[in-house]
C-alpha atoms as a PDB file:
ATOM      1  CA  MET A   1     -26.791   0.067  73.409  1.00  0.00           C
ATOM      2  CA  GLN A   2     -27.320  -3.180  75.282  1.00  0.00           C
ATOM      3  CA  LEU A   3     -25.252  -5.369  77.572  1.00  0.00           C
ATOM      4  CA  ASN A   4     -24.622  -7.920  74.827  1.00  0.00           C
ATOM      5  CA  LYS A   5     -21.808 -10.130  73.565  1.00  0.00           C
ATOM      6  CA  TYR A   6     -20.121  -7.206  71.777  1.00  0.00           C
ATOM      7  CA  PHE A   7     -20.062  -5.087  74.941  1.00  0.00           C
ATOM      8  CA  PHE A   8     -18.576  -7.925  76.994  1.00  0.00           C
ATOM      9  CA  SER A   9     -16.066  -8.733  74.217  1.00  0.00           C
ATOM     10  CA  ALA A  10     -14.683  -5.185  74.308  1.00  0.00           C
ATOM     11  CA  LEU A  11     -14.707  -5.061  78.099  1.00  0.00           C
ATOM     12  CA  THR A  12     -12.941  -8.433  78.346  1.00  0.00           C
ATOM     13  CA  ALA A  13     -10.272  -7.363  75.831  1.00  0.00           C
ATOM     14  CA  PHE A  14      -9.303  -4.260  77.797  1.00  0.00           C
ATOM     15  CA  PHE A  15      -9.598  -6.116  81.110  1.00  0.00           C
ATOM     16  CA  ILE A  16      -7.045  -8.660  79.866  1.00  0.00           C
ATOM     17  CA  TRP A  17      -4.722  -5.931  78.566  1.00  0.00           C
ATOM     18  CA  GLY A  18      -4.838  -4.319  81.991  1.00  0.00           C
ATOM     19  CA  PHE A  19      -2.726  -7.186  83.366  1.00  0.00           C
ATOM     20  CA  PHE A  20      -0.152  -7.062  80.535  1.00  0.00           C
ATOM     21  CA  SER A  21       2.471  -5.555  82.854  1.00  0.00           C
ATOM     22  CA  LEU A  22       2.520  -8.769  84.929  1.00  0.00           C
ATOM     23  CA  ALA A  23       3.921 -10.685  81.951  1.00  0.00           C
ATOM     24  CA  LEU A  24       6.041  -7.827  80.594  1.00  0.00           C
ATOM     25  CA  LYS A  25       7.754  -6.805  83.833  1.00  0.00           C
ATOM     26  CA  PRO A  26       9.902  -9.997  84.159  1.00  0.00           C
ATOM     27  CA  LEU A  27      11.282  -9.258  80.640  1.00  0.00           C
ATOM     28  CA  HIS A  28      12.644  -5.800  81.551  1.00  0.00           C
ATOM     29  CA  ASP A  29      16.238  -6.937  80.866  1.00  0.00           C
ATOM     30  CA  TYR A  30      15.439  -7.666  77.203  1.00  0.00           C
ATOM     31  CA  PRO A  31      15.354  -4.879  74.563  1.00  0.00           C
ATOM     32  CA  SER A  32      11.824  -3.627  73.895  1.00  0.00           C
ATOM     33  CA  LEU A  33      12.313  -3.939  70.141  1.00  0.00           C
ATOM     34  CA  ASP A  34      13.231  -7.617  70.516  1.00  0.00           C
ATOM     35  CA  ILE A  35      10.038  -8.214  72.504  1.00  0.00           C
ATOM     36  CA  LEU A  36       8.092  -6.515  69.698  1.00  0.00           C
ATOM     37  CA  PHE A  37       9.791  -8.651  67.016  1.00  0.00           C
ATOM     38  CA  TYR A  38       9.134 -11.929  68.787  1.00  0.00           C
ATOM     39  CA  ARG A  39       5.607 -10.917  69.743  1.00  0.00           C
ATOM     40  CA  VAL A  40       4.584 -10.111  66.158  1.00  0.00           C
ATOM     41  CA  PHE A  41       6.421 -12.987  64.430  1.00  0.00           C
ATOM     42  CA  TYR A  42       5.242 -15.561  66.968  1.00  0.00           C
ATOM     43  CA  ALA A  43       1.635 -14.350  66.791  1.00  0.00           C
ATOM     44  CA  THR A  44       1.669 -14.337  62.980  1.00  0.00           C
ATOM     45  CA  THR A  45       3.024 -17.894  62.796  1.00  0.00           C
ATOM     46  CA  LEU A  46       0.463 -19.186  65.286  1.00  0.00           C
ATOM     47  CA  LEU A  47      -2.445 -17.460  63.526  1.00  0.00           C
ATOM     48  CA  LEU A  48      -1.385 -18.796  60.120  1.00  0.00           C
ATOM     49  CA  ILE A  49      -1.178 -22.360  61.480  1.00  0.00           C
ATOM     50  CA  ILE A  50      -4.635 -22.094  63.073  1.00  0.00           C
ATOM     51  CA  ASN A  51      -6.263 -20.692  59.936  1.00  0.00           C
ATOM     52  CA  LEU A  52      -4.518 -22.877  57.363  1.00  0.00           C
ATOM     53  CA  PHE A  53      -5.015 -26.150  59.217  1.00  0.00           C
ATOM     54  CA  PHE A  54      -8.196 -25.686  61.263  1.00  0.00           C
ATOM     55  CA  ARG A  55     -10.219 -22.879  59.668  1.00  0.00           C
ATOM     56  CA  ARG A  56      -9.901 -23.427  55.929  1.00  0.00           C
ATOM     57  CA  ASP A  57     -13.683 -23.219  55.521  1.00  0.00           C
ATOM     58  CA  LYS A  58     -13.646 -19.679  56.934  1.00  0.00           C
ATOM     59  CA  LEU A  59     -10.800 -18.696  54.608  1.00  0.00           C
ATOM     60  CA  LYS A  60     -12.651 -20.060  51.567  1.00  0.00           C
ATOM     61  CA  LYS A  61     -15.894 -18.384  52.601  1.00  0.00           C
ATOM     62  CA  ASP A  62     -14.216 -14.993  53.104  1.00  0.00           C
ATOM     63  CA  PHE A  63     -12.385 -15.351  49.790  1.00  0.00           C
ATOM     64  CA  GLN A  64     -15.687 -16.006  48.012  1.00  0.00           C
ATOM     65  CA  VAL A  65     -17.208 -12.966  49.711  1.00  0.00           C
ATOM     66  CA  PHE A  66     -14.255 -10.840  48.589  1.00  0.00           C
ATOM     67  CA  LYS A  67     -14.550 -12.135  44.987  1.00  0.00           C
ATOM     68  CA  SER A  68     -18.240 -11.168  44.952  1.00  0.00           C
ATOM     69  CA  PHE A  69     -17.429  -7.523  45.665  1.00  0.00           C
ATOM     70  CA  GLU A  70     -17.317  -4.893  42.962  1.00  0.00           C
ATOM     71  CA  ALA A  71     -13.925  -3.371  42.130  1.00  0.00           C
ATOM     72  CA  LYS A  72     -14.561  -0.299  44.288  1.00  0.00           C
ATOM     73  CA  GLU A  73     -15.548  -2.393  47.318  1.00  0.00           C
ATOM     74  CA  LYS A  74     -12.499  -4.635  46.844  1.00  0.00           C
ATOM     75  CA  ARG A  75     -10.174  -1.626  46.868  1.00  0.00           C
ATOM     76  CA  LYS A  76     -11.864  -0.253  49.977  1.00  0.00           C
ATOM     77  CA  THR A  77     -11.526  -3.591  51.811  1.00  0.00           C
ATOM     78  CA  LEU A  78      -7.862  -3.971  50.864  1.00  0.00           C
ATOM     79  CA  VAL A  79      -7.051  -0.405  51.909  1.00  0.00           C
ATOM     80  CA  LEU A  80      -8.781  -0.762  55.303  1.00  0.00           C
ATOM     81  CA  THR A  81      -7.144  -4.141  56.020  1.00  0.00           C
ATOM     82  CA  VAL A  82      -3.640  -3.003  55.025  1.00  0.00           C
ATOM     83  CA  LEU A  83      -4.133   0.306  56.849  1.00  0.00           C
ATOM     84  CA  GLY A  84      -5.143  -1.616  59.993  1.00  0.00           C
ATOM     85  CA  GLY A  85      -1.967  -3.695  59.834  1.00  0.00           C
ATOM     86  CA  PHE A  86       0.256  -0.637  59.384  1.00  0.00           C
ATOM     87  CA  LEU A  87      -1.479   1.330  62.144  1.00  0.00           C
ATOM     88  CA  LEU A  88      -1.169  -1.592  64.561  1.00  0.00           C
ATOM     89  CA  THR A  89       2.538  -2.007  63.799  1.00  0.00           C
ATOM     90  CA  PHE A  90       3.233   1.730  64.003  1.00  0.00           C
ATOM     91  CA  ASN A  91       1.343   1.978  67.288  1.00  0.00           C
ATOM     92  CA  TRP A  92       3.257  -0.876  68.908  1.00  0.00           C
ATOM     93  CA  PHE A  93       6.594   0.478  67.663  1.00  0.00           C
ATOM     94  CA  LEU A  94       5.880   4.005  68.924  1.00  0.00           C
ATOM     95  CA  PHE A  95       4.779   2.601  72.286  1.00  0.00           C
ATOM     96  CA  MET A  96       7.996   0.605  72.673  1.00  0.00           C
ATOM     97  CA  TYR A  97      10.070   3.592  71.512  1.00  0.00           C
ATOM     98  CA  ALA A  98       8.347   5.848  74.033  1.00  0.00           C
ATOM     99  CA  VAL A  99       9.072   3.423  76.867  1.00  0.00           C
ATOM    100  CA  ASN A 100      12.773   3.209  75.939  1.00  0.00           C
ATOM    101  CA  HIS A 101      13.630   6.675  74.630  1.00  0.00           C
ATOM    102  CA  VAL A 102      11.002   9.204  75.735  1.00  0.00           C
ATOM    103  CA  SER A 103       9.373   8.291  79.048  1.00  0.00           C
ATOM    104  CA  LEU A 104       7.155   5.608  80.495  1.00  0.00           C
ATOM    105  CA  GLN A 105       4.663   8.322  81.392  1.00  0.00           C
ATOM    106  CA  SER A 106       4.282   9.412  77.754  1.00  0.00           C
ATOM    107  CA  ALA A 107       3.587   5.805  76.712  1.00  0.00           C
ATOM    108  CA  SER A 108       1.077   5.206  79.499  1.00  0.00           C
ATOM    109  CA  PHE A 109      -0.591   8.573  79.057  1.00  0.00           C
ATOM    110  CA  ALA A 110      -1.179   7.815  75.362  1.00  0.00           C
ATOM    111  CA  TYR A 111      -3.755   5.171  76.277  1.00  0.00           C
ATOM    112  CA  LEU A 112      -5.486   7.602  78.607  1.00  0.00           C
ATOM    113  CA  ILE A 113      -6.122  10.147  75.861  1.00  0.00           C
ATOM    114  CA  CYS A 114      -6.790   7.518  73.169  1.00  0.00           C
ATOM    115  CA  PRO A 115     -10.482   7.033  74.147  1.00  0.00           C
ATOM    116  CA  ILE A 116     -11.081  10.778  73.859  1.00  0.00           C
ATOM    117  CA  ILE A 117      -9.507  10.923  70.400  1.00  0.00           C
ATOM    118  CA  THR A 118     -11.416   7.792  69.324  1.00  0.00           C
ATOM    119  CA  THR A 119     -14.736   9.251  70.451  1.00  0.00           C
ATOM    120  CA  ILE A 120     -14.162  12.601  68.755  1.00  0.00           C
ATOM    121  CA  LEU A 121     -12.887  11.059  65.498  1.00  0.00           C
ATOM    122  CA  ALA A 122     -15.790   8.593  65.453  1.00  0.00           C
ATOM    123  CA  PHE A 123     -18.189  11.532  65.804  1.00  0.00           C
ATOM    124  CA  PHE A 124     -16.706  13.380  62.812  1.00  0.00           C
ATOM    125  CA  ILE A 125     -15.614  10.468  60.562  1.00  0.00           C
ATOM    126  CA  LEU A 126     -18.187   7.755  61.264  1.00  0.00           C
ATOM    127  CA  LYS A 127     -20.978  10.182  62.219  1.00  0.00           C
ATOM    128  CA  GLU A 128     -21.595   8.289  65.463  1.00  0.00           C
ATOM    129  CA  THR A 129     -24.047  10.188  67.650  1.00  0.00           C
ATOM    130  CA  LEU A 130     -23.462  10.812  71.333  1.00  0.00           C
ATOM    131  CA  SER A 131     -25.942  11.713  74.047  1.00  0.00           C
ATOM    132  CA  LYS A 132     -25.447  14.667  76.382  1.00  0.00           C
ATOM    133  CA  TRP A 133     -24.359  12.262  79.125  1.00  0.00           C
ATOM    134  CA  GLN A 134     -21.727  10.778  76.802  1.00  0.00           C
ATOM    135  CA  TRP A 135     -20.382  14.223  75.871  1.00  0.00           C
ATOM    136  CA  PHE A 136     -20.220  14.982  79.587  1.00  0.00           C
ATOM    137  CA  SER A 137     -18.214  11.773  80.016  1.00  0.00           C
ATOM    138  CA  VAL A 138     -15.768  12.964  77.325  1.00  0.00           C
ATOM    139  CA  LEU A 139     -15.419  16.262  79.225  1.00  0.00           C
ATOM    140  CA  LEU A 140     -14.602  14.345  82.435  1.00  0.00           C
ATOM    141  CA  CYS A 141     -11.931  12.409  80.530  1.00  0.00           C
ATOM    142  CA  ILE A 142     -10.381  15.614  79.202  1.00  0.00           C
ATOM    143  CA  VAL A 143     -10.271  17.106  82.713  1.00  0.00           C
ATOM    144  CA  SER A 144      -8.700  13.950  84.189  1.00  0.00           C
ATOM    145  CA  CYS A 145      -6.065  13.820  81.437  1.00  0.00           C
ATOM    146  CA  GLY A 146      -5.366  17.521  81.940  1.00  0.00           C
ATOM    147  CA  ILE A 147      -4.654  16.830  85.618  1.00  0.00           C
ATOM    148  CA  LEU A 148      -2.313  13.938  84.804  1.00  0.00           C
ATOM    149  CA  SER A 149      -0.468  15.861  82.059  1.00  0.00           C
ATOM    150  CA  TYR A 150       0.179  18.950  84.210  1.00  0.00           C
ATOM    151  CA  GLY A 151       3.901  19.603  84.197  1.00  0.00           C
ATOM    152  CA  HIS A 152       4.518  17.069  81.394  1.00  0.00           C
ATOM    153  CA  ILE A 153       3.548  19.074  78.301  1.00  0.00           C
ATOM    154  CA  GLU A 154       6.478  17.738  76.223  1.00  0.00           C
ATOM    155  CA  ASP A 155       5.348  14.149  76.775  1.00  0.00           C
ATOM    156  CA  LEU A 156       1.801  15.104  75.801  1.00  0.00           C
ATOM    157  CA  ALA A 157       2.742  15.753  72.155  1.00  0.00           C
ATOM    158  CA  TYR A 158       4.272  12.303  71.782  1.00  0.00           C
ATOM    159  CA  SER A 159       1.343  10.711  73.580  1.00  0.00           C
ATOM    160  CA  LEU A 160      -1.054  12.307  71.087  1.00  0.00           C
ATOM    161  CA  ILE A 161       0.712  10.584  68.185  1.00  0.00           C
ATOM    162  CA  ILE A 162       0.605   7.149  69.860  1.00  0.00           C
ATOM    163  CA  ALA A 163      -3.027   7.583  70.858  1.00  0.00           C
ATOM    164  CA  SER A 164      -4.051   8.775  67.390  1.00  0.00           C
ATOM    165  CA  THR A 165      -2.641   5.682  65.671  1.00  0.00           C
ATOM    166  CA  PHE A 166      -4.686   3.300  67.840  1.00  0.00           C
ATOM    167  CA  ALA A 167      -7.778   5.497  67.581  1.00  0.00           C
ATOM    168  CA  LEU A 168      -7.517   5.435  63.792  1.00  0.00           C
ATOM    169  CA  TYR A 169      -7.040   1.653  63.943  1.00  0.00           C
ATOM    170  CA  LEU A 170     -10.311   1.250  65.856  1.00  0.00           C
ATOM    171  CA  ILE A 171     -12.192   3.530  63.482  1.00  0.00           C
ATOM    172  CA  SER A 172     -10.810   1.927  60.317  1.00  0.00           C
ATOM    173  CA  GLN A 173     -11.766  -1.538  61.547  1.00  0.00           C
ATOM    174  CA  ARG A 174     -15.275  -0.378  62.470  1.00  0.00           C
ATOM    175  CA  LYS A 175     -15.844   0.123  58.730  1.00  0.00           C
ATOM    176  CA  ASN A 176     -14.126  -3.149  57.785  1.00  0.00           C
ATOM    177  CA  ASN A 177     -16.530  -5.719  59.214  1.00  0.00           C
ATOM    178  CA  GLN A 178     -17.634  -7.929  56.322  1.00  0.00           C
ATOM    179  CA  PHE A 179     -15.256 -10.787  57.110  1.00  0.00           C
ATOM    180  CA  ASP A 180     -14.441 -13.255  59.854  1.00  0.00           C
ATOM    181  CA  ARG A 181     -12.540 -11.262  62.470  1.00  0.00           C
ATOM    182  CA  PHE A 182      -9.988 -14.014  63.095  1.00  0.00           C
ATOM    183  CA  VAL A 183      -9.115 -14.033  59.390  1.00  0.00           C
ATOM    184  CA  VAL A 184      -8.821 -10.235  59.355  1.00  0.00           C
ATOM    185  CA  LEU A 185      -6.543 -10.351  62.402  1.00  0.00           C
ATOM    186  CA  THR A 186      -4.330 -12.947  60.679  1.00  0.00           C
ATOM    187  CA  VAL A 187      -3.964 -10.815  57.546  1.00  0.00           C
ATOM    188  CA  GLN A 188      -3.118  -7.758  59.633  1.00  0.00           C
ATOM    189  CA  MET A 189      -0.483  -9.653  61.604  1.00  0.00           C
ATOM    190  CA  VAL A 190       1.044 -10.876  58.334  1.00  0.00           C
ATOM    191  CA  ILE A 191       1.233  -7.228  57.244  1.00  0.00           C
ATOM    192  CA  ALA A 192       2.785  -6.283  60.609  1.00  0.00           C
ATOM    193  CA  SER A 193       5.417  -9.016  60.191  1.00  0.00           C
ATOM    194  CA  SER A 194       6.164  -7.854  56.638  1.00  0.00           C
ATOM    195  CA  VAL A 195       6.764  -4.330  57.924  1.00  0.00           C
ATOM    196  CA  LEU A 196       9.074  -5.446  60.757  1.00  0.00           C
ATOM    197  CA  LEU A 197      10.965  -8.219  58.929  1.00  0.00           C
ATOM    198  CA  PRO A 198      13.417  -5.926  57.033  1.00  0.00           C
ATOM    199  CA  PHE A 199      14.471  -4.332  60.335  1.00  0.00           C
ATOM    200  CA  PHE A 200      14.972  -7.630  62.190  1.00  0.00           C
ATOM    201  CA  PRO A 201      18.502  -8.551  60.960  1.00  0.00           C
ATOM    202  CA  THR A 202      19.880  -5.082  61.787  1.00  0.00           C
ATOM    203  CA  TYR A 203      18.116  -4.229  65.019  1.00  0.00           C
ATOM    204  CA  LYS A 204      17.636  -7.587  66.737  1.00  0.00           C
ATOM    205  CA  GLY A 205      19.628  -8.301  69.872  1.00  0.00           C
ATOM    206  CA  VAL A 206      21.259 -11.503  71.048  1.00  0.00           C
ATOM    207  CA  THR A 207      18.959 -14.507  70.599  1.00  0.00           C
ATOM    208  CA  PRO A 208      17.414 -15.283  74.008  1.00  0.00           C
ATOM    209  CA  THR A 209      18.296 -18.656  75.500  1.00  0.00           C
ATOM    210  CA  ALA A 210      16.398 -18.563  78.815  1.00  0.00           C
ATOM    211  CA  SER A 211      13.286 -20.749  78.873  1.00  0.00           C
ATOM    212  CA  LEU A 212      11.460 -18.072  80.903  1.00  0.00           C
ATOM    213  CA  PHE A 213      11.628 -15.701  77.905  1.00  0.00           C
ATOM    214  CA  TYR A 214       9.832 -18.140  75.611  1.00  0.00           C
ATOM    215  CA  ILE A 215       7.288 -19.133  78.267  1.00  0.00           C
ATOM    216  CA  LEU A 216       6.393 -15.488  78.874  1.00  0.00           C
ATOM    217  CA  MET A 217       6.369 -14.716  75.131  1.00  0.00           C
ATOM    218  CA  THR A 218       3.895 -17.557  74.606  1.00  0.00           C
ATOM    219  CA  LEU A 219       1.708 -16.071  77.334  1.00  0.00           C
ATOM    220  CA  ILE A 220       2.043 -12.581  75.808  1.00  0.00           C
ATOM    221  CA  VAL A 221       1.221 -13.775  72.286  1.00  0.00           C
ATOM    222  CA  ILE A 222      -1.799 -15.910  73.185  1.00  0.00           C
ATOM    223  CA  LEU A 223      -3.310 -14.151  76.196  1.00  0.00           C
ATOM    224  CA  PHE A 224      -2.232 -10.540  75.641  1.00  0.00           C
ATOM    225  CA  THR A 225      -2.149 -10.304  71.838  1.00  0.00           C
ATOM    226  CA  ILE A 226      -4.306 -12.757  69.884  1.00  0.00           C
ATOM    227  CA  ILE A 227      -7.249 -13.102  72.303  1.00  0.00           C
ATOM    228  CA  PRO A 228      -7.780  -9.383  73.142  1.00  0.00           C
ATOM    229  CA  LEU A 229      -7.176  -8.236  69.544  1.00  0.00           C
ATOM    230  CA  PHE A 230      -9.739 -10.748  68.286  1.00  0.00           C
ATOM    231  CA  LEU A 231     -12.238  -9.703  70.973  1.00  0.00           C
ATOM    232  CA  ASN A 232     -11.634  -6.062  70.067  1.00  0.00           C
ATOM    233  CA  LEU A 233     -12.252  -6.634  66.359  1.00  0.00           C
ATOM    234  CA  TYR A 234     -15.300  -8.770  67.151  1.00  0.00           C
ATOM    235  CA  ALA A 235     -16.757  -6.049  69.388  1.00  0.00           C
ATOM    236  CA  LEU A 236     -16.452  -3.529  66.542  1.00  0.00           C
ATOM    237  CA  LYS A 237     -18.916  -5.610  64.505  1.00  0.00           C
ATOM    238  CA  GLY A 238     -21.738  -4.623  66.846  1.00  0.00           C
ATOM    239  CA  MET A 239     -20.605  -1.534  68.773  1.00  0.00           C
ATOM    240  CA  ASN A 240     -19.721   2.065  68.039  1.00  0.00           C
ATOM    241  CA  SER A 241     -16.024   2.958  68.013  1.00  0.00           C
ATOM    242  CA  SER A 242     -16.690   5.619  70.655  1.00  0.00           C
ATOM    243  CA  THR A 243     -18.117   3.069  73.111  1.00  0.00           C
ATOM    244  CA  VAL A 244     -15.208   0.682  72.529  1.00  0.00           C
ATOM    245  CA  GLY A 245     -12.852   3.628  73.025  1.00  0.00           C
ATOM    246  CA  ILE A 246     -14.335   4.618  76.383  1.00  0.00           C
ATOM    247  CA  LEU A 247     -14.196   1.010  77.602  1.00  0.00           C
ATOM    248  CA  MET A 248     -10.459   1.253  76.890  1.00  0.00           C
ATOM    249  CA  TYR A 249     -10.149   3.101  80.205  1.00  0.00           C
ATOM    250  CA  THR A 250     -10.554  -0.279  81.899  1.00  0.00           C
ATOM    251  CA  ASN A 251      -6.922  -0.924  80.941  1.00  0.00           C
ATOM    252  CA  PRO A 252      -5.231   2.058  82.688  1.00  0.00           C
ATOM    253  CA  LEU A 253      -7.530   1.691  85.692  1.00  0.00           C
ATOM    254  CA  ILE A 254      -6.296  -1.866  86.241  1.00  0.00           C
ATOM    255  CA  ASN A 255      -2.710  -0.683  85.666  1.00  0.00           C
ATOM    256  CA  PHE A 256      -3.254   1.973  88.323  1.00  0.00           C
ATOM    257  CA  ILE A 257      -4.589  -0.585  90.827  1.00  0.00           C
ATOM    258  CA  LEU A 258      -1.673  -2.943  90.110  1.00  0.00           C
ATOM    259  CA  ALA A 259       0.808  -0.086  90.541  1.00  0.00           C
ATOM    260  CA  ILE A 260      -0.575   0.628  94.022  1.00  0.00           C
ATOM    261  CA  TYR A 261      -1.245  -2.826  95.435  1.00  0.00           C
ATOM    262  CA  TYR A 262       1.123  -5.113  93.502  1.00  0.00           C
ATOM    263  CA  PHE A 263       4.136  -3.013  92.455  1.00  0.00           C
ATOM    264  CA  LYS A 264       3.818  -0.780  95.571  1.00  0.00           C
ATOM    265  CA  GLU A 265       4.310   2.458  93.641  1.00  0.00           C
ATOM    266  CA  GLU A 266       3.640   5.774  95.359  1.00  0.00           C
ATOM    267  CA  ILE A 267       0.699   7.892  94.222  1.00  0.00           C
ATOM    268  CA  ASN A 268      -0.291  11.491  94.861  1.00  0.00           C
ATOM    269  CA  THR A 269      -3.570  13.307  95.374  1.00  0.00           C
ATOM    270  CA  SER A 270      -3.833  14.556  91.776  1.00  0.00           C
ATOM    271  CA  GLN A 271      -3.507  10.996  90.456  1.00  0.00           C
ATOM    272  CA  MET A 272      -6.249   9.793  92.799  1.00  0.00           C
ATOM    273  CA  ILE A 273      -8.547  12.596  91.631  1.00  0.00           C
ATOM    274  CA  ALA A 274      -7.753  11.992  87.941  1.00  0.00           C
ATOM    275  CA  TYR A 275      -8.352   8.230  88.053  1.00  0.00           C
ATOM    276  CA  SER A 276     -11.515   8.718  90.083  1.00  0.00           C
ATOM    277  CA  LEU A 277     -12.781  11.005  87.306  1.00  0.00           C
ATOM    278  CA  ILE A 278     -11.863   8.365  84.717  1.00  0.00           C
ATOM    279  CA  LEU A 279     -13.866   5.733  86.609  1.00  0.00           C
ATOM    280  CA  LEU A 280     -16.789   8.151  86.852  1.00  0.00           C
ATOM    281  CA  SER A 281     -16.545   8.910  83.125  1.00  0.00           C
ATOM    282  CA  ILE A 282     -16.902   5.198  82.265  1.00  0.00           C
ATOM    283  CA  VAL A 283     -20.044   4.977  84.409  1.00  0.00           C
ATOM    284  CA  VAL A 284     -21.495   8.165  82.907  1.00  0.00           C
ATOM    285  CA  PHE A 285     -20.755   7.136  79.306  1.00  0.00           C
ATOM    286  CA  ASN A 286     -22.529   3.808  79.800  1.00  0.00           C
ATOM    287  CA  GLU A 287     -25.311   5.135  82.051  1.00  0.00           C
ATOM    288  CA  SER A 288     -28.046   3.944  79.655  1.00  0.00           C
ATOM    289  CA  VAL A 289     -26.696   0.386  80.024  1.00  0.00           C
ATOM    290  CA  LEU A 290     -25.762   0.385  83.682  1.00  0.00           C
ATOM    291  CA  PHE A 291     -28.973   2.021  84.858  1.00  0.00           C
ATOM    292  CA  LYS A 292     -31.276   0.448  82.236  1.00  0.00           C
ATOM    293  CA  ARG A 293     -32.222   3.807  80.827  1.00  0.00           C
ATOM    294  CA  LYS A 294     -32.988   4.568  77.244  1.00  0.00           C
ATOM    295  CA  ASN A 295     -30.496   6.624  75.324  1.00  0.00           C
ATOM    296  CA  GLU A 296     -31.541  10.144  74.409  1.00  0.00           C
ATOM    297  CA  ASN A 297     -31.040   9.314  70.752  1.00  0.00           C
ATOM    298  CA  ILE A 298     -33.621   6.518  70.994  1.00  0.00           C
ATOM    299  CA  LEU A 299     -36.107   8.825  72.672  1.00  0.00           C
ATOM    300  CA  LYS A 300     -35.679  11.338  69.900  1.00  0.00           C
END
């Protein structure tokens, strides 16, 4: 693996997501489900406008590519695209539900174990090979997550479900890379909106009137939804799912730093040890890139 545009795309996506709490925190008085509704519907509308009015050539090109496929390949593409939309919606819903009805720790912990699940599933499903250093990195991640989950076993089960949905999303989209990633993202957001739309009339709250809500939602949709999701999908065109998964740890590391220095939250020794191991695991997993060494697989 090289330090190329795909590597930096994935790293940038998770770096951006690491600051999501700065935009979400001022909206704590609004129901989480309402934030999810507006986030998905707003993003879908914006993506459709961009594609229909400014990227018609890409739409036509992708449609021609799809028409050229055999029936089996068409079914596979449709299944992976629809599956991606459902997994994304389910993941976001479970995350919001965990924050409101389970615990914030279960929601946050889900994205700590997600890279481990992604790496392991990619090994068995996509047959992605890992070096000994990378398996050692996975072991460090497991140890760090074990430290953080100590005394919170009930939350761990729910976290596994949330993490598994996003891990499966990454893996499914690794195999669905024949089309323009912006077009794929638009289709998946349309699917997400279709899933949420029947629930909107029943479960929506009072329509927000404060201008701050719409300003922050615009920031969330553009900076924390469309841009990182596109970068994530783009990275999967040229990187293994396992590598993208490990880079996901950039997100909770930034959250941890913000919690200490910006939100002034208290931390304990076990948290310091666990997050230090996570940082070390990222370095170890990408040691062939960071230290300009050849991967063991290449040597073999």
